[in-house]
Structures are given as C-alpha cells and as structure tokens.
Amino acid sequence: MTYLDHTHLTGVDYAAFEQLLAAQHDSRPYPDSDWQLVLSETEQTARHWASTLAIFRPGAFNTAPQDHEVYVQVYFDERGRALPDRPDQPIPDSPLGTELTEHLPGWSIQP
C-alpha cells in the first residue's frame, strides 16, 4: 500500500474522514464523499474510545480500487476528531536530549 502524506490534505478532507467514521460508529449510511472508509480499528476502554486508526482511499463508496491506488492513514482522538498528523516530518532534536544521550551508551535521540 502507498500512503498519501497528510500535507496534501485539507480541512474538507478531515471533515469527510470524521463524518465517515461517525457514520460507521453509529451504524448509519455513509454520507456522500470523495473518500471511502476502507478499514478502521478502535481501542476502547470501558467508558470511551481510547484511540482509533482508519484507512481511507479516494473515490465514492463502492467504487472499484484502481491500480497503484494511494491510501490515507488517519488517527482519531477519543471524541472522533481526525488528528492532522504529519508522519514523514523529522522530529527536531532537543539540546537536552542530545546531551543526555551522549552520556548514555547505546541510547539515541531518535525514536
């Protein structure tokens, strides 16, 4: 699978993701959208969603996948709001973290 970087998404895309996930969660028909919910996985505690991951692909509901199609992986908070995640951006190094890892053999500042 090839995933689309989130920098190419707009607020309209995130709103569509939230509507599609809410429709699935509430067992309602999917709204018309330029996206299709492919799969979602939700971890729950006894009282609420803990975290949700969903995969979307471009195209209306029940359209056939295309060759070399690009998908979008989106995380949601416990209220069902899409998180604007930028997975390919480097994590900035902190001076404190760099200094600490120099004194800890086998440790790295990178996750």
N, C-alpha and C. Protein backbone atom coordinates (compact mmCIF):
# COMPACT_ATOMS: atom_id res chain seq x y z
N MET A 1 0.83 -1.18 0.00
CA MET A 1 0.00 0.00 0.00
C MET A 1 0.88 1.25 0.00
N THR A 2 0.46 2.24 -0.73
CA THR A 2 1.14 3.53 -0.74
C THR A 2 0.25 4.52 0.02
N TYR A 3 0.87 5.25 0.96
CA TYR A 3 0.11 6.20 1.77
C TYR A 3 0.41 7.63 1.36
N LEU A 4 -0.62 8.45 1.32
CA LEU A 4 -0.52 9.86 0.99
C LEU A 4 -0.05 10.63 2.21
N ASP A 5 0.90 11.52 2.01
CA ASP A 5 1.38 12.38 3.09
C ASP A 5 0.26 13.35 3.47
N HIS A 6 0.09 13.62 4.72
CA HIS A 6 -1.01 14.46 5.21
C HIS A 6 -0.88 15.92 4.78
N THR A 7 0.27 16.35 4.29
CA THR A 7 0.41 17.73 3.85
C THR A 7 -0.46 18.00 2.63
N HIS A 8 -0.90 16.95 1.93
CA HIS A 8 -1.75 17.12 0.75
C HIS A 8 -3.24 17.19 1.11
N LEU A 9 -3.58 17.04 2.37
CA LEU A 9 -4.98 17.03 2.80
C LEU A 9 -5.43 18.42 3.22
N THR A 10 -6.74 18.65 3.13
CA THR A 10 -7.33 19.94 3.53
C THR A 10 -8.30 19.71 4.68
N GLY A 11 -8.84 20.81 5.19
CA GLY A 11 -9.86 20.72 6.24
C GLY A 11 -11.09 19.98 5.76
N VAL A 12 -11.42 20.11 4.48
CA VAL A 12 -12.57 19.40 3.90
C VAL A 12 -12.34 17.89 3.95
N ASP A 13 -11.10 17.47 3.68
CA ASP A 13 -10.78 16.04 3.75
C ASP A 13 -10.95 15.51 5.18
N TYR A 14 -10.42 16.27 6.15
CA TYR A 14 -10.53 15.83 7.54
C TYR A 14 -11.99 15.78 7.99
N ALA A 15 -12.80 16.73 7.55
CA ALA A 15 -14.23 16.71 7.89
C ALA A 15 -14.90 15.48 7.30
N ALA A 16 -14.54 15.11 6.08
CA ALA A 16 -15.10 13.91 5.45
C ALA A 16 -14.69 12.66 6.23
N PHE A 17 -13.43 12.60 6.66
CA PHE A 17 -12.97 11.44 7.43
C PHE A 17 -13.78 11.30 8.72
N GLU A 18 -14.00 12.41 9.41
CA GLU A 18 -14.76 12.39 10.66
C GLU A 18 -16.20 11.94 10.42
N GLN A 19 -16.83 12.44 9.35
CA GLN A 19 -18.22 12.05 9.04
C GLN A 19 -18.32 10.56 8.69
N LEU A 20 -17.37 10.06 7.92
CA LEU A 20 -17.40 8.65 7.55
C LEU A 20 -17.20 7.75 8.78
N LEU A 21 -16.26 8.11 9.63
CA LEU A 21 -16.02 7.30 10.83
C LEU A 21 -17.22 7.36 11.77
N ALA A 22 -17.84 8.54 11.93
CA ALA A 22 -19.02 8.67 12.80
C ALA A 22 -20.17 7.84 12.25
N ALA A 23 -20.37 7.84 10.94
CA ALA A 23 -21.44 7.04 10.34
C ALA A 23 -21.21 5.55 10.60
N GLN A 24 -19.96 5.12 10.48
CA GLN A 24 -19.67 3.71 10.77
C GLN A 24 -19.91 3.40 12.25
N HIS A 25 -19.44 4.27 13.12
CA HIS A 25 -19.57 4.07 14.56
C HIS A 25 -21.04 4.01 14.99
N ASP A 26 -21.89 4.86 14.38
CA ASP A 26 -23.31 4.93 14.74
C ASP A 26 -24.19 4.02 13.88
N SER A 27 -23.57 3.21 13.02
CA SER A 27 -24.30 2.29 12.12
C SER A 27 -25.31 3.04 11.25
N ARG A 28 -24.88 4.19 10.71
CA ARG A 28 -25.70 4.98 9.80
C ARG A 28 -25.17 4.80 8.38
N PRO A 29 -25.97 5.11 7.37
CA PRO A 29 -25.45 5.07 5.99
C PRO A 29 -24.31 6.09 5.82
N TYR A 30 -23.36 5.74 4.99
CA TYR A 30 -22.24 6.65 4.74
C TYR A 30 -22.72 7.88 3.97
N PRO A 31 -22.24 9.06 4.33
CA PRO A 31 -22.60 10.26 3.56
C PRO A 31 -21.86 10.26 2.22
N ASP A 32 -22.37 11.05 1.27
CA ASP A 32 -21.66 11.20 0.00
C ASP A 32 -20.31 11.84 0.30
N SER A 33 -19.27 11.31 -0.32
CA SER A 33 -17.93 11.80 -0.03
C SER A 33 -17.00 11.47 -1.19
N ASP A 34 -15.92 12.21 -1.26
CA ASP A 34 -14.86 11.91 -2.22
C ASP A 34 -13.89 10.88 -1.67
N TRP A 35 -14.18 10.36 -0.48
CA TRP A 35 -13.34 9.36 0.18
C TRP A 35 -14.17 8.14 0.55
N GLN A 36 -13.50 7.02 0.66
CA GLN A 36 -14.14 5.79 1.10
C GLN A 36 -13.39 5.24 2.31
N LEU A 37 -14.12 4.89 3.35
CA LEU A 37 -13.52 4.28 4.53
C LEU A 37 -13.23 2.82 4.20
N VAL A 38 -11.97 2.44 4.25
CA VAL A 38 -11.57 1.08 3.90
C VAL A 38 -11.58 0.19 5.13
N LEU A 39 -11.00 0.69 6.21
CA LEU A 39 -10.95 -0.09 7.44
C LEU A 39 -10.69 0.81 8.61
N SER A 40 -11.18 0.41 9.78
CA SER A 40 -10.89 1.17 11.00
C SER A 40 -10.68 0.19 12.14
N GLU A 41 -9.87 0.63 13.08
CA GLU A 41 -9.57 -0.18 14.25
C GLU A 41 -9.63 0.74 15.46
N THR A 42 -10.45 0.38 16.43
CA THR A 42 -10.63 1.23 17.62
C THR A 42 -10.28 0.45 18.87
N GLU A 43 -9.46 1.06 19.70
CA GLU A 43 -9.20 0.52 21.03
C GLU A 43 -10.14 1.25 21.97
N GLN A 44 -10.80 0.52 22.85
CA GLN A 44 -11.75 1.15 23.76
C GLN A 44 -11.43 0.79 25.20
N THR A 45 -11.75 1.74 26.07
CA THR A 45 -11.75 1.43 27.49
C THR A 45 -13.21 1.17 27.84
N ALA A 46 -13.50 0.96 29.07
CA ALA A 46 -14.88 0.67 29.47
C ALA A 46 -15.82 1.84 29.19
N ARG A 47 -15.30 3.07 29.12
CA ARG A 47 -16.17 4.24 29.02
C ARG A 47 -16.10 4.99 27.69
N HIS A 48 -14.98 4.92 26.96
CA HIS A 48 -14.86 5.71 25.74
C HIS A 48 -13.80 5.14 24.81
N TRP A 49 -13.73 5.71 23.60
CA TRP A 49 -12.68 5.35 22.66
C TRP A 49 -11.35 5.75 23.26
N ALA A 50 -10.37 4.88 23.16
CA ALA A 50 -9.03 5.24 23.59
C ALA A 50 -8.25 5.80 22.40
N SER A 51 -8.34 5.12 21.27
CA SER A 51 -7.70 5.62 20.05
C SER A 51 -8.29 4.88 18.87
N THR A 52 -8.27 5.52 17.72
CA THR A 52 -8.81 4.93 16.51
C THR A 52 -7.86 5.20 15.37
N LEU A 53 -7.65 4.19 14.55
CA LEU A 53 -6.89 4.31 13.33
C LEU A 53 -7.82 3.94 12.19
N ALA A 54 -7.84 4.73 11.13
CA ALA A 54 -8.68 4.43 9.97
C ALA A 54 -7.87 4.63 8.69
N ILE A 55 -8.22 3.85 7.69
CA ILE A 55 -7.59 3.96 6.38
C ILE A 55 -8.67 4.32 5.37
N PHE A 56 -8.38 5.34 4.58
CA PHE A 56 -9.32 5.83 3.57
C PHE A 56 -8.65 5.77 2.20
N ARG A 57 -9.48 5.70 1.16
CA ARG A 57 -8.96 5.80 -0.19
C ARG A 57 -9.84 6.77 -0.97
N PRO A 58 -9.27 7.42 -1.98
CA PRO A 58 -10.08 8.34 -2.78
C PRO A 58 -11.15 7.58 -3.55
N GLY A 59 -12.28 8.21 -3.74
CA GLY A 59 -13.36 7.60 -4.51
C GLY A 59 -14.61 7.45 -3.68
N ALA A 60 -15.75 7.50 -4.34
CA ALA A 60 -17.03 7.35 -3.67
C ALA A 60 -17.21 5.92 -3.18
N PHE A 61 -18.16 5.75 -2.26
CA PHE A 61 -18.46 4.44 -1.70
C PHE A 61 -18.78 3.43 -2.79
N ASN A 62 -18.25 2.23 -2.69
CA ASN A 62 -18.46 1.11 -3.61
C ASN A 62 -17.84 1.32 -4.99
N THR A 63 -16.89 2.24 -5.14
CA THR A 63 -16.16 2.30 -6.40
C THR A 63 -15.01 1.31 -6.33
N ALA A 64 -14.66 0.75 -7.46
CA ALA A 64 -13.60 -0.26 -7.50
C ALA A 64 -12.24 0.39 -7.31
N PRO A 65 -11.33 -0.28 -6.58
CA PRO A 65 -9.99 0.27 -6.42
C PRO A 65 -9.26 0.33 -7.76
N GLN A 66 -8.38 1.32 -7.90
CA GLN A 66 -7.57 1.47 -9.09
C GLN A 66 -6.20 0.84 -8.85
N ASP A 67 -5.47 0.53 -9.93
CA ASP A 67 -4.09 0.06 -9.79
C ASP A 67 -3.24 1.17 -9.19
N HIS A 68 -2.34 0.81 -8.32
CA HIS A 68 -1.42 1.77 -7.68
C HIS A 68 -2.17 2.87 -6.95
N GLU A 69 -3.21 2.51 -6.28
CA GLU A 69 -4.02 3.50 -5.56
C GLU A 69 -3.29 3.96 -4.30
N VAL A 70 -3.53 5.20 -3.93
CA VAL A 70 -2.92 5.79 -2.75
C VAL A 70 -3.97 5.83 -1.64
N TYR A 71 -3.56 5.48 -0.44
CA TYR A 71 -4.44 5.47 0.72
C TYR A 71 -3.99 6.53 1.72
N VAL A 72 -4.87 6.84 2.66
CA VAL A 72 -4.54 7.79 3.72
C VAL A 72 -4.79 7.10 5.06
N GLN A 73 -3.80 7.15 5.93
CA GLN A 73 -3.92 6.59 7.27
C GLN A 73 -4.12 7.74 8.23
N VAL A 74 -5.23 7.70 9.00
CA VAL A 74 -5.59 8.82 9.88
C VAL A 74 -5.87 8.29 11.28
N TYR A 75 -5.34 8.98 12.27
CA TYR A 75 -5.63 8.68 13.67
C TYR A 75 -6.70 9.65 14.15
N PHE A 76 -7.52 9.19 15.09
CA PHE A 76 -8.60 10.00 15.66
C PHE A 76 -8.45 10.03 17.17
N ASP A 77 -8.88 11.15 17.77
CA ASP A 77 -8.87 11.23 19.22
C ASP A 77 -10.10 10.54 19.79
N GLU A 78 -10.25 10.58 21.10
CA GLU A 78 -11.35 9.86 21.76
C GLU A 78 -12.72 10.44 21.43
N ARG A 79 -12.78 11.64 20.89
CA ARG A 79 -14.06 12.24 20.51
C ARG A 79 -14.38 12.04 19.03
N GLY A 80 -13.52 11.31 18.32
CA GLY A 80 -13.76 11.05 16.91
C GLY A 80 -13.28 12.15 15.99
N ARG A 81 -12.41 13.03 16.48
CA ARG A 81 -11.86 14.09 15.64
C ARG A 81 -10.57 13.61 14.98
N ALA A 82 -10.44 13.84 13.67
CA ALA A 82 -9.24 13.45 12.95
C ALA A 82 -8.05 14.26 13.43
N LEU A 83 -6.94 13.59 13.62
CA LEU A 83 -5.72 14.26 14.07
C LEU A 83 -4.85 14.58 12.85
N PRO A 84 -4.51 15.84 12.64
CA PRO A 84 -3.70 16.22 11.48
C PRO A 84 -2.25 15.84 11.68
N ASP A 85 -1.94 14.63 11.40
CA ASP A 85 -0.65 14.03 11.65
C ASP A 85 0.24 14.21 10.41
N ARG A 86 1.48 14.49 10.61
CA ARG A 86 2.43 14.63 9.51
C ARG A 86 3.52 13.56 9.69
N PRO A 87 3.27 12.33 9.21
CA PRO A 87 4.15 11.21 9.54
C PRO A 87 5.56 11.28 9.00
N ASP A 88 5.82 12.02 7.93
CA ASP A 88 7.14 12.00 7.32
C ASP A 88 8.04 13.15 7.73
N GLN A 89 7.58 14.01 8.63
CA GLN A 89 8.43 15.12 9.04
C GLN A 89 9.42 14.67 10.10
N PRO A 90 10.67 15.14 10.03
CA PRO A 90 11.64 14.75 11.05
C PRO A 90 11.30 15.36 12.40
N ILE A 91 11.67 14.66 13.43
CA ILE A 91 11.46 15.14 14.79
C ILE A 91 12.64 16.03 15.16
N PRO A 92 12.39 17.27 15.61
CA PRO A 92 13.52 18.15 15.94
C PRO A 92 14.29 17.62 17.14
N ASP A 93 15.60 17.74 17.08
CA ASP A 93 16.45 17.33 18.20
C ASP A 93 16.45 18.42 19.25
N SER A 94 16.39 18.00 20.50
CA SER A 94 16.47 18.99 21.58
C SER A 94 17.90 18.98 22.12
N PRO A 95 18.41 20.14 22.51
CA PRO A 95 19.77 20.18 23.06
C PRO A 95 19.92 19.29 24.30
N LEU A 96 18.92 19.29 25.17
CA LEU A 96 18.99 18.46 26.37
C LEU A 96 19.03 16.98 26.00
N GLY A 97 18.17 16.57 25.08
CA GLY A 97 18.16 15.17 24.66
C GLY A 97 19.47 14.74 24.05
N THR A 98 20.05 15.60 23.23
CA THR A 98 21.34 15.29 22.60
C THR A 98 22.42 15.14 23.66
N GLU A 99 22.43 16.05 24.61
CA GLU A 99 23.45 15.99 25.67
C GLU A 99 23.29 14.75 26.54
N LEU A 100 22.06 14.41 26.89
CA LEU A 100 21.84 13.22 27.71
C LEU A 100 22.26 11.94 27.00
N THR A 101 21.92 11.82 25.72
CA THR A 101 22.25 10.57 25.01
C THR A 101 23.75 10.41 24.81
N GLU A 102 24.52 11.52 24.82
CA GLU A 102 25.98 11.41 24.72
C GLU A 102 26.56 10.71 25.95
N HIS A 103 25.86 10.75 27.07
CA HIS A 103 26.35 10.15 28.32
C HIS A 103 25.74 8.79 28.61
N LEU A 104 24.85 8.31 27.76
CA LEU A 104 24.19 7.03 27.98
C LEU A 104 24.56 6.07 26.83
N PRO A 105 25.48 5.14 27.06
CA PRO A 105 25.89 4.24 25.99
C PRO A 105 24.73 3.44 25.42
N GLY A 106 24.64 3.38 24.11
CA GLY A 106 23.58 2.61 23.45
C GLY A 106 22.28 3.37 23.26
N TRP A 107 22.17 4.58 23.76
CA TRP A 107 20.95 5.36 23.62
C TRP A 107 21.06 6.28 22.41
N SER A 108 19.92 6.64 21.87
CA SER A 108 19.87 7.54 20.72
C SER A 108 18.77 8.55 20.95
N ILE A 109 18.94 9.73 20.35
CA ILE A 109 17.88 10.74 20.46
C ILE A 109 16.72 10.43 19.53
N GLN A 110 16.96 9.64 18.50
CA GLN A 110 15.90 9.28 17.55
C GLN A 110 15.02 8.17 18.13
N PRO A 111 13.71 8.26 17.92
CA PRO A 111 12.83 7.21 18.46
C PRO A 111 13.04 5.88 17.75
